Amino acid sequence: MWINVARVSAIIAGIGILYSPTVASVALVATYVAFLASGQVVVRFRQVFGRPSVYWAAIFLAVVLIGMTYASVPWSDRGTDLLKWRTILWFVVLLSIFDDERWKTRLLVMFIVGTAVGLVISFVAAAGWVTLLRGPGALLRNSATQSMGFAVAALLCLWMFLEKSLQGHMRWIVPVLGLLYVANIAFITSGRSGYVILGIGCAVLLLWKAAPLRQLAVVLGLSIMAILAFSLSSRMQDYIALGVDQWVQEPESATLTNMASRRVYYQNTVEILQDHWLIGIGTGGFKQAYTEQVTRKYDPSNWRAEPIGDPHNQYLAVLTQHGIGGLAVFLVWIVAIARDMRGLPKYRKLALGLLFGWCVTSLFSSHFRTFAEGHLLTTFLGVLLSAPGMNDHSEVVSSPRDEA
């Protein structure tokens, strides 16, 4: 019973992270408590710990813990930074408890239902039929989170259609819903991360084990669709052009902007790395090191002197705090996830589509450990890659089309 309570709580958390940090936090804690109360923690962890995606995650967490010993910041800062990697624990827990395929399906369906509510409200608000505190492009916390959440939902719809797991009218309702998610991303929600995840995810799902001619057709088709969406959406054109312009014009920018700030963050972080590339500055030490760097370099009135706690690049963040060895372990963990074939093959291609998308968006944000985006990714990785176990006797058999 308690395992099912943990699963229900995880489903609530998976949807709640898009809407409310409070609801999500309560559901996350409830999942952990129910898992502990089940009395199955040890046996379920034993089942998954032999998987490279799990023991490399544990090794990376060990690197983070070791980094706490040589950081020069207060222990509270070290602990706060360590806590941000709770997304890894969430991945392992969900990998342990979603071994029943029926519960995988329930989570995936409920995620579509949960995001569809926001989708409808977003369209209604965009049409001017209702007035909300937030704009239609940022109902789900912010525009980046909304675009990523809708992109994941769109990919879920595409995956369900391709897997032919839908019956009756649902076989056509779900693809139409998927198109509505895509339309919202293109014309209402301003989020470059959503564009990336949607594009990469579609490529992975459609190219998976496809014949050469089909691969060529998919590439051409996706390219045409991307060009068409860009041509028709003035919002997409303006948002992408704005980002490029902000990046290019950073040296002359008198005010802080989204992409100009990232260019400054990267430049200063690379300069910090010149003296700390081997073992890093330690867990939680980035903000102090960055503040010292910009204080020496800029006038206090310059927006570039503003201190930050993260360089907005997951790989630079790991490299700066944990050195070249820490980054290597982190990358090996990602590869281990990508190569994990213990679960059912049909779910793996969706997991890879999401993972690859997050790897790209993490060049511009720390999306593996931000609260909403980090938990969103690890929720799906844990659920999709979970192998049949204690309560599910599904056979892990690869069809010629799905075989890795």
Protein backbone atom coordinates (compact mmCIF):
# COMPACT_ATOMS: atom_id res chain seq x y z
CA MET A 1 0.00 0.00 0.00
CA TRP A 2 2.71 2.49 0.95
CA ILE A 3 4.49 2.00 -2.38
CA ASN A 4 1.30 3.03 -4.16
CA VAL A 5 1.00 6.05 -1.88
CA ALA A 6 4.55 6.98 -2.89
CA ARG A 7 3.64 6.58 -6.56
CA VAL A 8 0.54 8.76 -6.23
CA SER A 9 2.58 11.41 -4.42
CA ALA A 10 5.21 11.27 -7.17
CA ILE A 11 2.53 11.86 -9.80
CA ILE A 12 1.28 14.89 -7.87
CA ALA A 13 4.85 16.16 -7.55
CA GLY A 14 5.50 15.67 -11.28
CA ILE A 15 2.58 17.92 -12.14
CA GLY A 16 2.93 20.25 -9.16
CA ILE A 17 6.46 21.34 -10.05
CA LEU A 18 4.97 23.14 -13.06
CA TYR A 19 2.37 25.02 -11.04
CA SER A 20 3.30 25.42 -7.39
CA PRO A 21 6.62 24.94 -5.55
CA THR A 22 4.66 24.45 -2.33
CA VAL A 23 2.48 21.66 -3.69
CA ALA A 24 5.48 20.05 -5.33
CA SER A 25 7.58 20.22 -2.16
CA VAL A 26 4.83 18.64 -0.04
CA ALA A 27 4.35 15.87 -2.63
CA LEU A 28 8.11 15.25 -2.84
CA VAL A 29 8.36 14.85 0.93
CA ALA A 30 5.25 12.63 0.96
CA THR A 31 6.86 10.38 -1.65
CA TYR A 32 10.01 9.95 0.42
CA VAL A 33 8.03 9.33 3.63
CA ALA A 34 5.74 6.77 1.98
CA PHE A 35 8.72 5.00 0.42
CA LEU A 36 10.41 4.75 3.80
CA ALA A 37 7.17 3.56 5.42
CA SER A 38 6.84 0.79 2.85
CA GLY A 39 9.74 -1.12 4.37
CA GLN A 40 11.02 -1.86 0.87
CA VAL A 41 13.73 0.77 0.59
CA VAL A 42 16.67 -1.59 1.03
CA VAL A 43 15.45 -4.30 -1.33
CA ARG A 44 14.40 -1.83 -4.03
CA PHE A 45 17.66 0.12 -3.81
CA ARG A 46 19.55 -3.16 -4.13
CA GLN A 47 17.64 -3.87 -7.33
CA VAL A 48 18.71 -0.61 -8.97
CA PHE A 49 22.14 0.03 -7.51
CA GLY A 50 23.84 -2.35 -9.92
CA ARG A 51 22.82 -0.12 -12.80
CA PRO A 52 25.58 2.23 -14.02
CA SER A 53 23.14 5.15 -14.12
CA VAL A 54 22.69 4.73 -10.36
CA TYR A 55 26.20 4.01 -9.13
CA TRP A 56 27.66 6.81 -11.27
CA ALA A 57 25.03 9.09 -9.74
CA ALA A 58 26.25 7.97 -6.32
CA ILE A 59 29.87 8.61 -7.33
CA PHE A 60 28.99 12.12 -8.47
CA LEU A 61 27.20 12.83 -5.18
CA ALA A 62 30.35 11.61 -3.42
CA VAL A 63 32.32 14.18 -5.45
CA VAL A 64 29.92 16.88 -4.27
CA LEU A 65 30.30 15.74 -0.66
CA ILE A 66 34.10 15.75 -0.94
CA GLY A 67 33.86 19.25 -2.38
CA MET A 68 32.24 20.37 0.84
CA THR A 69 35.43 19.57 2.76
CA TYR A 70 37.67 22.07 0.96
CA ALA A 71 35.24 24.87 0.10
CA SER A 72 36.04 28.15 1.87
CA VAL A 73 32.45 29.32 2.35
CA PRO A 74 30.21 28.84 5.41
CA TRP A 75 28.83 25.35 5.92
CA SER A 76 25.32 26.67 5.36
CA ASP A 77 26.29 27.62 1.80
CA ARG A 78 27.87 24.22 1.23
CA GLY A 79 24.75 22.47 2.49
CA THR A 80 22.46 24.61 0.36
CA ASP A 81 24.43 23.73 -2.75
CA LEU A 82 24.41 20.04 -1.87
CA LEU A 83 20.62 20.17 -1.43
CA LYS A 84 20.22 21.36 -5.01
CA TRP A 85 21.42 17.95 -6.16
CA ARG A 86 18.43 16.27 -4.49
CA THR A 87 17.19 15.79 -8.04
CA ILE A 88 19.60 12.84 -8.27
CA LEU A 89 18.03 11.18 -5.22
CA TRP A 90 14.62 11.75 -6.80
CA PHE A 91 15.80 9.96 -9.95
CA VAL A 92 16.97 6.94 -7.97
CA VAL A 93 13.79 6.75 -5.88
CA LEU A 94 11.50 6.87 -8.92
CA LEU A 95 13.69 4.36 -10.71
CA SER A 96 13.04 2.09 -7.70
CA ILE A 97 9.27 2.48 -7.33
CA PHE A 98 7.91 2.76 -10.89
CA ASP A 99 8.68 -0.87 -11.74
CA ASP A 100 4.99 -1.48 -12.48
CA GLU A 101 4.12 -0.52 -16.04
CA ARG A 102 0.56 0.37 -15.09
CA TRP A 103 1.89 3.16 -12.86
CA LYS A 104 4.17 4.43 -15.63
CA THR A 105 1.10 4.82 -17.83
CA ARG A 106 -0.83 6.56 -15.06
CA LEU A 107 1.91 9.13 -14.54
CA LEU A 108 2.28 9.83 -18.26
CA VAL A 109 -1.47 10.22 -18.76
CA MET A 110 -1.89 12.40 -15.68
CA PHE A 111 0.98 14.63 -16.82
CA ILE A 112 -0.81 15.24 -20.12
CA VAL A 113 -4.06 15.94 -18.28
CA GLY A 114 -2.32 18.27 -15.82
CA THR A 115 -0.53 20.28 -18.49
CA ALA A 116 -3.64 20.32 -20.71
CA VAL A 117 -5.38 22.39 -18.03
CA GLY A 118 -2.66 25.03 -18.27
CA LEU A 119 -2.71 24.76 -22.06
CA VAL A 120 -6.41 25.55 -22.28
CA ILE A 121 -6.15 28.44 -19.83
CA SER A 122 -3.20 29.83 -21.76
CA PHE A 123 -5.15 29.84 -25.04
CA VAL A 124 -8.21 31.35 -23.35
CA ALA A 125 -6.10 34.11 -21.78
CA ALA A 126 -4.30 34.77 -25.06
CA ALA A 127 -7.67 35.22 -26.77
CA GLY A 128 -8.54 37.89 -24.20
CA TRP A 129 -11.48 36.00 -22.76
CA VAL A 130 -10.07 36.10 -19.23
CA THR A 131 -7.58 38.32 -17.43
CA LEU A 132 -5.03 36.64 -15.18
CA LEU A 133 -2.27 37.82 -12.87
CA ARG A 134 0.27 36.20 -15.19
CA GLY A 135 0.41 36.44 -18.94
CA PRO A 136 -0.67 33.47 -21.09
CA GLY A 137 2.96 32.69 -21.87
CA ALA A 138 4.02 32.28 -18.25
CA LEU A 139 1.13 30.64 -16.39
CA LEU A 140 3.27 27.71 -15.28
CA ARG A 141 5.69 29.59 -12.99
CA ASN A 142 7.58 31.28 -15.86
CA SER A 143 7.91 31.14 -19.63
CA ALA A 144 10.92 28.79 -19.59
CA THR A 145 9.21 26.25 -17.32
CA GLN A 146 5.98 26.48 -19.31
CA SER A 147 7.71 25.99 -22.65
CA MET A 148 9.65 22.99 -21.33
CA GLY A 149 6.58 21.46 -19.70
CA PHE A 150 4.51 21.86 -22.85
CA ALA A 151 7.37 20.48 -24.97
CA VAL A 152 7.53 17.36 -22.79
CA ALA A 153 3.74 16.96 -23.07
CA ALA A 154 3.91 17.35 -26.86
CA LEU A 155 6.60 14.67 -27.06
CA LEU A 156 4.48 12.39 -24.88
CA CYS A 157 1.61 12.79 -27.34
CA LEU A 158 3.88 12.01 -30.28
CA TRP A 159 5.34 8.99 -28.49
CA MET A 160 1.88 7.58 -27.67
CA PHE A 161 0.84 8.01 -31.30
CA LEU A 162 3.96 6.30 -32.63
CA GLU A 163 3.66 3.43 -30.16
CA LYS A 164 0.08 2.82 -31.30
CA SER A 165 -0.97 2.36 -27.69
CA LEU A 166 -4.13 4.44 -28.11
CA GLN A 167 -7.51 3.00 -28.91
CA GLY A 168 -10.58 4.43 -30.64
CA HIS A 169 -10.99 8.19 -30.73
CA MET A 170 -7.99 8.68 -28.41
CA ARG A 171 -5.67 7.74 -31.27
CA TRP A 172 -6.58 11.03 -32.95
CA ILE A 173 -7.39 13.18 -29.93
CA VAL A 174 -3.86 12.83 -28.50
CA PRO A 175 -2.06 13.92 -31.73
CA VAL A 176 -4.36 16.94 -32.01
CA LEU A 177 -3.57 17.81 -28.40
CA GLY A 178 0.11 17.47 -29.23
CA LEU A 179 -0.27 19.96 -32.08
CA LEU A 180 -1.95 22.38 -29.69
CA TYR A 181 1.06 22.16 -27.36
CA VAL A 182 3.34 22.89 -30.31
CA ALA A 183 1.18 25.83 -31.41
CA ASN A 184 1.28 27.29 -27.91
CA ILE A 185 5.07 27.01 -27.78
CA ALA A 186 5.41 28.66 -31.18
CA PHE A 187 2.85 31.45 -30.89
CA ILE A 188 2.21 32.16 -27.20
CA THR A 189 4.91 30.89 -24.86
CA SER A 190 8.29 32.60 -25.21
CA GLY A 191 10.81 29.97 -24.18
CA ARG A 192 13.88 29.06 -26.19
CA SER A 193 14.39 25.94 -24.05
CA GLY A 194 11.03 24.64 -25.21
CA TYR A 195 12.06 25.05 -28.85
CA VAL A 196 15.21 23.02 -28.21
CA ILE A 197 13.56 20.19 -26.29
CA LEU A 198 10.73 19.90 -28.79
CA GLY A 199 13.07 19.83 -31.78
CA ILE A 200 15.55 17.35 -30.34
CA GLY A 201 12.83 15.14 -28.88
CA CYS A 202 10.97 14.93 -32.19
CA ALA A 203 14.19 14.05 -34.00
CA VAL A 204 14.99 11.23 -31.56
CA LEU A 205 11.48 9.75 -31.64
CA LEU A 206 11.12 9.91 -35.42
CA LEU A 207 14.67 8.83 -36.30
CA TRP A 208 14.75 5.94 -33.81
CA LYS A 209 15.87 2.84 -35.75
CA ALA A 210 14.50 4.31 -38.95
CA ALA A 211 15.72 3.19 -42.37
CA PRO A 212 18.06 5.60 -44.20
CA LEU A 213 15.37 6.88 -46.56
CA ARG A 214 13.00 7.48 -43.69
CA GLN A 215 15.73 9.28 -41.76
CA LEU A 216 16.25 11.61 -44.71
CA ALA A 217 12.51 12.22 -44.97
CA VAL A 218 12.29 12.95 -41.23
CA VAL A 219 15.18 15.42 -41.34
CA LEU A 220 13.68 17.23 -44.32
CA GLY A 221 10.21 17.19 -42.77
CA LEU A 222 11.37 18.54 -39.41
CA SER A 223 13.45 21.20 -41.15
CA ILE A 224 10.48 22.34 -43.22
CA MET A 225 8.21 22.41 -40.17
CA ALA A 226 10.77 24.41 -38.18
CA ILE A 227 11.16 26.93 -41.00
CA LEU A 228 7.40 27.17 -41.40
CA ALA A 229 6.85 27.71 -37.66
CA PHE A 230 9.56 30.35 -37.58
CA SER A 231 8.12 32.11 -40.63
CA LEU A 232 4.59 32.18 -39.26
CA SER A 233 5.40 33.09 -35.65
CA SER A 234 6.46 36.69 -35.20
CA ARG A 235 6.85 35.96 -31.48
CA MET A 236 9.39 33.22 -32.17
CA GLN A 237 11.24 35.44 -34.64
CA ASP A 238 11.37 38.35 -32.21
CA TYR A 239 12.41 36.20 -29.26
CA ILE A 240 15.25 34.45 -31.06
CA ALA A 241 16.42 37.67 -32.71
CA LEU A 242 16.31 39.43 -29.33
CA GLY A 243 18.50 36.78 -27.74
CA VAL A 244 21.08 36.96 -30.53
CA ASP A 245 21.10 40.76 -30.44
CA GLN A 246 21.52 40.84 -26.66
CA TRP A 247 24.48 38.46 -26.87
CA VAL A 248 26.20 40.37 -29.68
CA GLN A 249 25.57 43.80 -28.18
CA GLU A 250 26.74 42.91 -24.65
CA PRO A 251 29.93 45.04 -24.76
CA GLU A 252 27.83 48.15 -25.44
CA SER A 253 24.86 47.21 -23.24
CA ALA A 254 24.20 49.71 -20.45
CA THR A 255 21.52 47.56 -18.83
CA LEU A 256 21.26 43.93 -17.80
CA THR A 257 19.54 41.68 -20.35
CA ASN A 258 18.96 37.95 -20.48
CA MET A 259 21.58 36.83 -22.98
CA ALA A 260 24.05 39.68 -22.38
CA SER A 261 24.20 38.67 -18.72
CA ARG A 262 24.94 35.07 -19.69
CA ARG A 263 27.85 36.18 -21.86
CA VAL A 264 29.28 38.09 -18.90
CA TYR A 265 28.70 35.15 -16.55
CA TYR A 266 30.56 32.79 -18.87
CA GLN A 267 33.50 35.13 -19.39
CA ASN A 268 34.03 35.68 -15.68
CA THR A 269 33.54 32.02 -14.84
CA VAL A 270 36.20 31.00 -17.36
CA GLU A 271 38.56 33.51 -15.76
CA ILE A 272 37.89 31.96 -12.33
CA LEU A 273 38.65 28.53 -13.81
CA GLN A 274 42.16 29.54 -14.80
CA ASP A 275 43.25 29.06 -11.19
CA HIS A 276 40.75 26.38 -10.12
CA TRP A 277 40.37 23.97 -13.03
CA LEU A 278 41.88 20.93 -11.31
CA ILE A 279 39.76 20.36 -8.19
CA GLY A 280 37.49 23.40 -8.33
CA ILE A 281 36.58 25.88 -5.60
CA GLY A 282 34.46 23.42 -3.65
CA THR A 283 30.77 22.82 -3.13
CA GLY A 284 28.85 26.06 -2.68
CA GLY A 285 31.85 28.26 -3.39
CA PHE A 286 30.78 29.73 -6.72
CA LYS A 287 28.98 32.83 -5.45
CA GLN A 288 31.90 33.93 -3.28
CA ALA A 289 34.45 33.35 -6.04
CA TYR A 290 32.31 35.11 -8.63
CA THR A 291 31.65 38.08 -6.34
CA GLU A 292 35.38 38.52 -5.71
CA GLN A 293 36.03 38.30 -9.46
CA VAL A 294 33.51 40.96 -10.54
CA THR A 295 34.30 43.25 -7.60
CA ARG A 296 37.90 43.48 -8.78
CA LYS A 297 36.93 43.86 -12.41
CA TYR A 298 33.98 46.27 -12.56
CA ASP A 299 32.78 49.51 -11.07
CA PRO A 300 30.01 48.88 -8.47
CA SER A 301 27.53 50.88 -10.56
CA ASN A 302 28.05 48.56 -13.55
CA TRP A 303 25.38 45.85 -13.87
CA ARG A 304 28.16 43.40 -14.67
CA ALA A 305 29.31 43.67 -11.03
CA GLU A 306 26.13 41.99 -9.82
CA PRO A 307 26.95 38.79 -7.85
CA ILE A 308 25.32 35.52 -8.89
CA GLY A 309 25.16 32.05 -7.38
CA ASP A 310 25.23 30.08 -10.64
CA PRO A 311 26.88 30.69 -14.04
CA HIS A 312 23.74 29.60 -15.93
CA ASN A 313 25.61 26.74 -17.55
CA GLN A 314 25.42 23.33 -15.89
CA TYR A 315 28.79 22.16 -17.17
CA LEU A 316 30.64 25.34 -16.19
CA ALA A 317 28.98 25.17 -12.77
CA VAL A 318 30.21 21.62 -12.15
CA LEU A 319 33.67 22.35 -13.55
CA THR A 320 34.11 25.49 -11.43
CA GLN A 321 33.12 23.87 -8.15
CA HIS A 322 34.39 20.30 -8.64
CA GLY A 323 37.18 20.59 -11.18
CA ILE A 324 37.92 18.58 -14.29
CA GLY A 325 37.47 15.30 -12.43
CA GLY A 326 34.04 16.29 -11.17
CA LEU A 327 32.92 17.32 -14.65
CA ALA A 328 34.19 14.01 -16.04
CA VAL A 329 32.15 12.05 -13.47
CA PHE A 330 29.08 14.17 -14.23
CA LEU A 331 29.41 13.51 -17.97
CA VAL A 332 29.96 9.79 -17.39
CA TRP A 333 26.74 9.75 -15.35
CA ILE A 334 24.86 11.31 -18.28
CA VAL A 335 26.35 8.73 -20.66
CA ALA A 336 25.42 5.96 -18.23
CA ILE A 337 21.80 7.16 -18.28
CA ALA A 338 21.82 7.26 -22.07
CA ARG A 339 23.21 3.72 -22.24
CA ASP A 340 20.87 2.29 -19.59
CA MET A 341 18.89 -0.50 -21.26
CA ARG A 342 17.49 -2.33 -18.22
CA GLY A 343 13.97 -1.00 -18.68
CA LEU A 344 11.37 -1.56 -21.39
CA PRO A 345 12.79 -0.49 -24.79
CA LYS A 346 9.70 1.44 -25.90
CA TYR A 347 10.14 3.91 -23.03
CA ARG A 348 13.87 4.36 -23.54
CA LYS A 349 13.63 6.37 -26.75
CA LEU A 350 11.37 8.93 -25.05
CA ALA A 351 13.79 9.12 -22.12
CA LEU A 352 16.70 9.71 -24.51
CA GLY A 353 14.80 12.43 -26.36
CA LEU A 354 14.25 14.30 -23.10
CA LEU A 355 17.79 13.70 -21.83
CA PHE A 356 19.42 14.99 -25.01
CA GLY A 357 17.19 18.06 -24.99
CA TRP A 358 18.12 18.84 -21.38
CA CYS A 359 21.81 18.39 -22.18
CA VAL A 360 21.54 21.18 -24.77
CA THR A 361 19.42 23.57 -22.70
CA SER A 362 21.86 23.09 -19.82
CA LEU A 363 24.42 25.01 -21.86
CA PHE A 364 22.40 28.10 -20.90
CA SER A 365 21.01 27.11 -17.47
CA SER A 366 21.71 24.57 -14.73
CA HIS A 367 18.69 22.49 -15.70
CA PHE A 368 19.88 19.28 -14.05
CA ARG A 369 19.43 20.77 -10.60
CA THR A 370 17.04 23.72 -10.78
CA PHE A 371 13.94 22.89 -8.75
CA ALA A 372 11.29 22.75 -11.49
CA GLU A 373 13.35 21.77 -14.54
CA GLY A 374 15.67 19.41 -12.66
CA HIS A 375 12.82 17.52 -11.00
CA LEU A 376 10.87 17.46 -14.28
CA LEU A 377 13.76 15.72 -16.05
CA THR A 378 14.57 13.26 -13.27
CA THR A 379 10.88 12.41 -12.84
CA PHE A 380 10.67 11.21 -16.41
CA LEU A 381 14.08 9.56 -16.47
CA GLY A 382 13.29 7.61 -13.31
CA VAL A 383 9.83 6.55 -14.46
CA LEU A 384 10.70 5.75 -18.07
CA LEU A 385 13.91 3.83 -17.33
CA SER A 386 12.56 1.87 -14.38
CA ALA A 387 12.73 -1.86 -15.06
CA PRO A 388 9.96 -4.38 -14.30
CA GLY A 389 10.56 -5.59 -10.76
CA MET A 390 8.77 -6.63 -7.63
CA ASN A 391 5.18 -6.03 -8.76
CA ASP A 392 5.41 -6.14 -12.53
CA HIS A 393 6.15 -9.24 -14.56
CA SER A 394 6.38 -7.54 -17.94
CA GLU A 395 9.12 -9.01 -20.06
CA VAL A 396 11.97 -6.76 -21.12
CA VAL A 397 12.10 -7.89 -24.71
CA SER A 398 13.37 -5.74 -27.56
CA SER A 399 11.50 -5.84 -30.82
CA PRO A 400 13.57 -5.39 -33.98
CA ARG A 401 12.28 -1.81 -34.16
CA ASP A 402 13.06 -0.93 -30.54
CA GLU A 403 16.22 -2.86 -29.90
CA ALA A 404 18.99 -0.53 -28.68
